[in-house]
Amino acid sequence: MSLKSKGLILLAIILIPTTVVFAIFLGMNVGQPKLPTKLLFIGNSLSYHNEGVDFQIVQLGNCTTPPRVIEIDSVYIEAGQLAQLYPASSYKIATGNYDYIIVQGTPEFGFESFKDNARLILEAINETNSQPVLFMAWNHLGKPPWSGDYPWNETFELLSMSEIAQAHYDLATDFDALVAPVGLAFEKVNETRPGFQLYTDVEHSSMNGTYLATLVIYVTIFEESPVGFSYRPTSPPLPSYCVNVTEADATFLQEMAWQTVQENLPLFLNKIDVIFIVIFHQKSSERRINSVLRAKAPLL
């Protein structure tokens, strides 16, 4: 596994229980100042639907105490494959000086193409000081009825959540990326509350789904529990077409997001007895752990 050499300040070998290591992962931001964080979102309508996860994550930051300042930028293409998103985003990746770059692809549009082009994007990100984050989207419920209008129509294939998850974790292992396990959070919600409305059609999320996706990305990046956050999507300030997330549903989704991220860290940490934590000096104190000795995670 390659390690970024920029600003290496500490290498520690830790021989302590997984629970303690996990506490380090999700607790190192306690007491640290909430400096401005600059994010770039790369994706298609799964990201920008319902005003977008980029808009929603800013609202989450605003409701913390003190408010967390989040600056956002985006490269979105309707029904875009990573083969299109890579050239469209390359200039911003190289010059934007982002703290985190969140990459959302759609493996169903072509599984091998997704992996090949994700590698190109991740290689470009690793040439910068930015931390890559893979937005693991949910699985499609079926083939979109309008897909014939797009070139990927012939390569579309329904994939299991297990296949989608493994592809993201394989890429994360190779490129020292974080994974926001949004699709696994969808799965957890469906198991916990069957019939809970997360979709508006065979592929796009409901406002509940968009809120859940945003919460998972927030937890992945900031390692902070969202349970109790006051912000939930409502109209206003959102446009009238947006369906409100109820207070009870918001609390439920906050808990599901927090639990999903927690549950999917120890699974690979438990596979090794000696855990190497590599801490890099970052421009923002919110960016603490840039790389961890990773084993492929048998997540599902």
Protein backbone atom coordinates (compact mmCIF):
# COMPACT_ATOMS: atom_id res chain seq x y z
CA MET A 1 0.00 0.00 0.00
CA SER A 2 1.37 3.39 -0.92
CA LEU A 3 1.56 6.08 1.76
CA LYS A 4 1.48 9.80 1.13
CA SER A 5 4.78 11.23 2.22
CA LYS A 6 3.61 14.83 2.65
CA GLY A 7 4.07 16.08 6.18
CA LEU A 8 4.61 12.74 7.93
CA ILE A 9 5.03 13.46 11.63
CA LEU A 10 4.20 10.29 13.52
CA LEU A 11 4.12 6.52 13.11
CA ALA A 12 2.78 4.58 16.06
CA ILE A 13 2.37 0.85 16.53
CA ILE A 14 -0.58 0.26 18.78
CA LEU A 15 -1.16 -3.02 20.59
CA ILE A 16 -4.48 -2.22 22.23
CA PRO A 17 -8.03 -3.52 21.87
CA THR A 18 -10.02 -2.59 18.80
CA THR A 19 -12.51 -0.67 20.91
CA VAL A 20 -9.78 1.68 22.07
CA VAL A 21 -8.50 2.17 18.53
CA PHE A 22 -12.04 2.88 17.38
CA ALA A 23 -12.41 5.50 20.09
CA ILE A 24 -9.30 7.17 18.71
CA PHE A 25 -10.77 7.23 15.21
CA LEU A 26 -14.07 8.75 16.27
CA GLY A 27 -12.87 10.88 19.14
CA MET A 28 -9.70 12.65 18.08
CA ASN A 29 -11.60 15.77 17.10
CA VAL A 30 -12.82 16.41 20.64
CA GLY A 31 -11.82 19.86 21.76
CA GLN A 32 -10.23 20.80 18.45
CA PRO A 33 -11.21 24.06 16.79
CA LYS A 34 -13.69 23.76 13.95
CA LEU A 35 -11.70 25.37 11.18
CA PRO A 36 -13.21 26.03 7.73
CA THR A 37 -13.29 22.88 5.64
CA LYS A 38 -13.31 22.98 1.84
CA LEU A 39 -15.12 20.17 0.02
CA LEU A 40 -15.45 19.24 -3.64
CA PHE A 41 -18.32 16.95 -4.66
CA ILE A 42 -18.05 14.96 -7.89
CA GLY A 43 -21.10 13.00 -9.03
CA ASN A 44 -24.40 12.80 -10.85
CA SER A 45 -28.06 13.13 -9.87
CA LEU A 46 -27.62 10.73 -6.97
CA SER A 47 -25.58 13.54 -5.40
CA TYR A 48 -27.43 16.65 -6.58
CA HIS A 49 -31.03 15.38 -6.21
CA ASN A 50 -33.12 17.16 -3.53
CA GLU A 51 -30.91 20.27 -3.62
CA GLY A 52 -27.82 18.10 -3.24
CA VAL A 53 -25.76 16.55 -0.48
CA ASP A 54 -23.40 19.51 -0.80
CA PHE A 55 -26.15 21.96 0.22
CA GLN A 56 -27.35 19.65 2.98
CA ILE A 57 -23.91 19.18 4.54
CA VAL A 58 -23.49 22.94 4.88
CA GLN A 59 -26.77 23.04 6.83
CA LEU A 60 -25.54 20.29 9.12
CA GLY A 61 -22.38 22.25 9.80
CA ASN A 62 -24.39 25.37 10.58
CA CYS A 63 -26.31 23.62 13.36
CA THR A 64 -23.28 22.56 15.40
CA THR A 65 -21.95 24.52 18.38
CA PRO A 66 -19.94 26.44 17.41
CA PRO A 67 -21.02 26.32 13.75
CA ARG A 68 -18.73 24.34 11.49
CA VAL A 69 -17.82 26.42 8.45
CA ILE A 70 -17.98 24.27 5.31
CA GLU A 71 -17.11 25.65 1.88
CA ILE A 72 -18.43 23.62 -1.04
CA ASP A 73 -17.75 23.24 -4.73
CA SER A 74 -19.12 20.66 -7.13
CA VAL A 75 -18.81 19.00 -10.53
CA TYR A 76 -22.14 17.37 -11.39
CA ILE A 77 -23.26 15.82 -14.68
CA GLU A 78 -26.76 14.46 -15.19
CA ALA A 79 -26.57 10.65 -15.47
CA GLY A 80 -22.81 11.13 -15.60
CA GLN A 81 -20.39 8.24 -15.57
CA LEU A 82 -16.95 8.62 -14.00
CA ALA A 83 -15.58 8.44 -17.54
CA GLN A 84 -17.21 11.86 -18.06
CA LEU A 85 -16.72 13.18 -14.56
CA TYR A 86 -12.96 12.56 -14.54
CA PRO A 87 -12.04 15.00 -17.34
CA ALA A 88 -14.72 17.45 -16.20
CA SER A 89 -13.29 17.60 -12.66
CA SER A 90 -9.55 17.27 -13.33
CA TYR A 91 -8.80 21.01 -13.31
CA LYS A 92 -10.62 21.60 -10.01
CA ILE A 93 -8.95 18.59 -8.45
CA ALA A 94 -5.50 19.88 -9.41
CA THR A 95 -6.00 23.52 -8.48
CA GLY A 96 -8.84 23.76 -5.94
CA ASN A 97 -6.83 23.10 -2.78
CA TYR A 98 -9.69 21.15 -1.19
CA ASP A 99 -9.51 19.38 2.15
CA TYR A 100 -11.73 16.53 0.99
CA ILE A 101 -12.90 15.45 -2.46
CA ILE A 102 -16.04 13.31 -2.43
CA VAL A 103 -16.38 11.04 -5.47
CA GLN A 104 -19.74 9.45 -6.32
CA GLY A 105 -19.97 7.08 -9.24
CA THR A 106 -22.64 4.64 -10.40
CA PRO A 107 -21.22 1.10 -10.77
CA GLU A 108 -24.43 -0.09 -12.44
CA PHE A 109 -23.63 2.09 -15.48
CA GLY A 110 -20.71 -0.26 -16.19
CA PHE A 111 -18.85 -2.02 -13.39
CA GLU A 112 -15.40 -2.23 -14.96
CA SER A 113 -15.62 1.30 -16.35
CA PHE A 114 -16.54 2.55 -12.88
CA LYS A 115 -13.49 0.94 -11.30
CA ASP A 116 -11.09 2.02 -14.06
CA ASN A 117 -12.20 5.64 -14.05
CA ALA A 118 -12.42 5.80 -10.26
CA ARG A 119 -8.75 4.87 -10.24
CA LEU A 120 -7.95 7.76 -12.57
CA ILE A 121 -9.76 10.23 -10.32
CA LEU A 122 -8.19 8.84 -7.16
CA GLU A 123 -4.72 8.96 -8.70
CA ALA A 124 -5.30 12.62 -9.57
CA ILE A 125 -6.49 13.38 -6.03
CA ASN A 126 -3.47 11.63 -4.53
CA GLU A 127 -1.23 14.03 -6.46
CA THR A 128 -2.67 16.83 -4.29
CA ASN A 129 -3.03 17.51 -0.57
CA SER A 130 -6.71 16.56 -0.70
CA GLN A 131 -8.15 13.51 1.05
CA PRO A 132 -10.29 11.35 -1.28
CA VAL A 133 -13.66 10.14 -0.01
CA LEU A 134 -15.64 7.51 -1.92
CA PHE A 135 -19.40 8.12 -1.75
CA MET A 136 -20.72 4.54 -1.81
CA ALA A 137 -24.20 5.03 -3.20
CA TRP A 138 -27.15 2.68 -2.79
CA ASN A 139 -28.03 -0.07 -5.24
CA HIS A 140 -30.63 0.50 -7.95
CA LEU A 141 -34.02 -1.17 -7.61
CA GLY A 142 -34.26 -1.63 -11.37
CA LYS A 143 -33.18 -0.24 -14.72
CA PRO A 144 -34.25 3.41 -15.13
CA PRO A 145 -37.08 3.64 -17.67
CA TRP A 146 -35.38 6.59 -19.37
CA SER A 147 -31.97 4.89 -19.69
CA GLY A 148 -32.29 4.38 -23.44
CA ASP A 149 -31.41 8.05 -23.90
CA TYR A 150 -27.90 7.51 -22.51
CA PRO A 151 -24.87 5.70 -23.94
CA TRP A 152 -24.46 3.50 -20.86
CA ASN A 153 -27.89 1.93 -21.47
CA GLU A 154 -26.29 -1.16 -23.02
CA THR A 155 -23.79 -1.65 -20.19
CA PHE A 156 -26.26 -1.18 -17.33
CA GLU A 157 -26.40 -4.08 -14.88
CA LEU A 158 -28.14 -4.50 -11.56
CA LEU A 159 -25.58 -5.11 -8.81
CA SER A 160 -25.96 -6.31 -5.25
CA MET A 161 -25.08 -4.00 -2.39
CA SER A 162 -22.31 -6.46 -1.53
CA GLU A 163 -20.69 -6.05 -4.95
CA ILE A 164 -20.94 -2.27 -4.79
CA ALA A 165 -19.52 -2.13 -1.27
CA GLN A 166 -16.57 -4.40 -2.04
CA ALA A 167 -15.60 -2.37 -5.11
CA HIS A 168 -15.48 0.80 -3.01
CA TYR A 169 -13.43 -0.78 -0.23
CA ASP A 170 -11.02 -2.30 -2.74
CA LEU A 171 -10.44 1.15 -4.24
CA ALA A 172 -10.06 2.68 -0.79
CA THR A 173 -7.37 0.15 0.09
CA ASP A 174 -5.39 0.93 -3.05
CA PHE A 175 -5.64 4.73 -2.79
CA ASP A 176 -5.79 5.49 0.95
CA ALA A 177 -9.32 6.81 0.54
CA LEU A 178 -12.09 7.10 3.07
CA VAL A 179 -15.39 5.40 2.31
CA ALA A 180 -18.74 6.96 3.17
CA PRO A 181 -20.90 3.78 3.36
CA VAL A 182 -24.17 5.39 2.30
CA GLY A 183 -25.48 2.28 0.54
CA LEU A 184 -24.85 0.19 3.66
CA ALA A 185 -26.79 2.76 5.68
CA PHE A 186 -29.72 2.38 3.24
CA GLU A 187 -29.50 -1.37 3.77
CA LYS A 188 -29.43 -0.95 7.55
CA VAL A 189 -32.50 1.29 7.46
CA ASN A 190 -34.36 -1.26 5.30
CA GLU A 191 -33.48 -4.04 7.74
CA THR A 192 -34.40 -1.98 10.80
CA ARG A 193 -37.59 -0.47 9.42
CA PRO A 194 -38.83 -2.35 6.35
CA GLY A 195 -40.79 -0.11 4.02
CA PHE A 196 -39.20 3.12 5.20
CA GLN A 197 -39.26 5.50 2.24
CA LEU A 198 -35.70 6.05 0.95
CA TYR A 199 -36.38 6.10 -2.83
CA THR A 200 -38.55 8.21 -5.12
CA ASP A 201 -38.03 5.88 -8.11
CA VAL A 202 -35.79 2.93 -8.97
CA GLU A 203 -32.63 4.97 -8.47
CA HIS A 204 -33.11 8.40 -6.88
CA SER A 205 -33.37 8.99 -3.18
CA SER A 206 -36.29 10.53 -1.36
CA MET A 207 -35.53 13.49 0.90
CA ASN A 208 -35.12 10.94 3.69
CA GLY A 209 -32.52 9.17 1.56
CA THR A 210 -30.66 12.36 0.69
CA TYR A 211 -30.60 13.36 4.35
CA LEU A 212 -29.26 9.92 5.32
CA ALA A 213 -26.57 10.12 2.63
CA THR A 214 -25.51 13.55 3.88
CA LEU A 215 -25.34 12.35 7.48
CA VAL A 216 -23.12 9.39 6.52
CA ILE A 217 -20.75 11.65 4.57
CA TYR A 218 -20.66 14.12 7.48
CA VAL A 219 -19.80 11.38 10.00
CA THR A 220 -17.17 9.88 7.69
CA ILE A 221 -15.38 13.19 7.26
CA PHE A 222 -15.79 14.84 10.66
CA GLU A 223 -15.99 11.72 12.86
CA GLU A 224 -18.68 13.34 14.97
CA SER A 225 -22.04 11.91 15.98
CA PRO A 226 -24.97 13.71 14.30
CA VAL A 227 -27.48 12.38 16.82
CA GLY A 228 -29.32 15.37 18.23
CA PHE A 229 -28.52 17.73 15.34
CA SER A 230 -31.32 20.26 14.99
CA TYR A 231 -31.16 20.53 11.21
CA ARG A 232 -33.58 18.48 9.13
CA PRO A 233 -34.68 19.22 5.56
CA THR A 234 -37.92 21.20 5.47
CA SER A 235 -39.68 23.57 3.09
CA PRO A 236 -38.96 26.43 3.60
CA PRO A 237 -36.03 27.04 3.30
CA LEU A 238 -36.00 24.22 0.73
CA PRO A 239 -38.19 24.55 -2.39
CA SER A 240 -41.81 23.48 -2.05
CA TYR A 241 -41.26 20.28 -4.07
CA CYS A 242 -39.01 18.93 -1.32
CA VAL A 243 -40.83 16.65 1.13
CA ASN A 244 -40.14 17.50 4.76
CA VAL A 245 -38.20 15.07 6.94
CA THR A 246 -40.12 14.70 10.18
CA GLU A 247 -38.42 15.21 13.52
CA ALA A 248 -38.87 11.56 14.45
CA ASP A 249 -37.51 10.35 11.11
CA ALA A 250 -34.55 12.75 11.37
CA THR A 251 -33.59 11.29 14.74
CA PHE A 252 -33.91 7.75 13.38
CA LEU A 253 -31.76 8.54 10.34
CA GLN A 254 -29.14 10.27 12.49
CA GLU A 255 -28.86 7.11 14.59
CA MET A 256 -28.68 4.88 11.51
CA ALA A 257 -25.91 6.97 9.95
CA TRP A 258 -23.85 7.01 13.13
CA GLN A 259 -24.25 3.27 13.71
CA THR A 260 -23.41 2.37 10.11
CA VAL A 261 -20.12 4.27 10.10
CA GLN A 262 -19.16 2.82 13.48
CA GLU A 263 -20.01 -0.73 12.46
CA ASN A 264 -17.94 -0.57 9.30
CA LEU A 265 -14.69 0.57 10.88
CA PRO A 266 -14.04 -2.26 13.39
CA LEU A 267 -14.71 -4.95 10.80
CA PHE A 268 -11.32 -4.47 9.20
CA LEU A 269 -9.56 -3.42 12.38
CA ASN A 270 -10.51 -6.72 13.99
CA LYS A 271 -8.68 -8.59 11.24
CA ILE A 272 -5.24 -7.47 12.39
CA ASP A 273 -3.52 -7.70 15.76
CA VAL A 274 -1.01 -4.93 15.23
CA ILE A 275 -2.48 -1.68 14.00
CA PHE A 276 -0.32 0.98 12.43
CA ILE A 277 -1.72 4.48 12.63
CA VAL A 278 -0.04 7.01 10.40
CA ILE A 279 -0.85 10.59 11.27
CA PHE A 280 -0.03 13.32 8.77
CA HIS A 281 0.32 17.02 9.32
CA GLN A 282 -2.61 18.63 7.51
CA LYS A 283 -3.55 22.21 6.71
CA SER A 284 -6.71 21.79 8.78
CA SER A 285 -6.66 20.26 12.27
CA GLU A 286 -9.86 18.44 11.33
CA ARG A 287 -7.83 16.18 9.03
CA ARG A 288 -6.06 13.83 11.39
CA ILE A 289 -5.58 10.36 10.03
CA ASN A 290 -4.62 10.19 6.40
CA SER A 291 -3.78 6.52 6.14
CA VAL A 292 -4.28 3.35 8.14
CA LEU A 293 -2.80 -0.05 7.44
CA ARG A 294 -5.83 -1.58 5.77
CA ALA A 295 -6.91 -5.13 5.11
CA LYS A 296 -9.66 -5.87 2.61
CA ALA A 297 -12.82 -5.80 4.65
CA PRO A 298 -15.23 -8.73 4.38
CA LEU A 299 -18.03 -6.30 5.07
CA LEU A 300 -21.09 -8.26 4.09
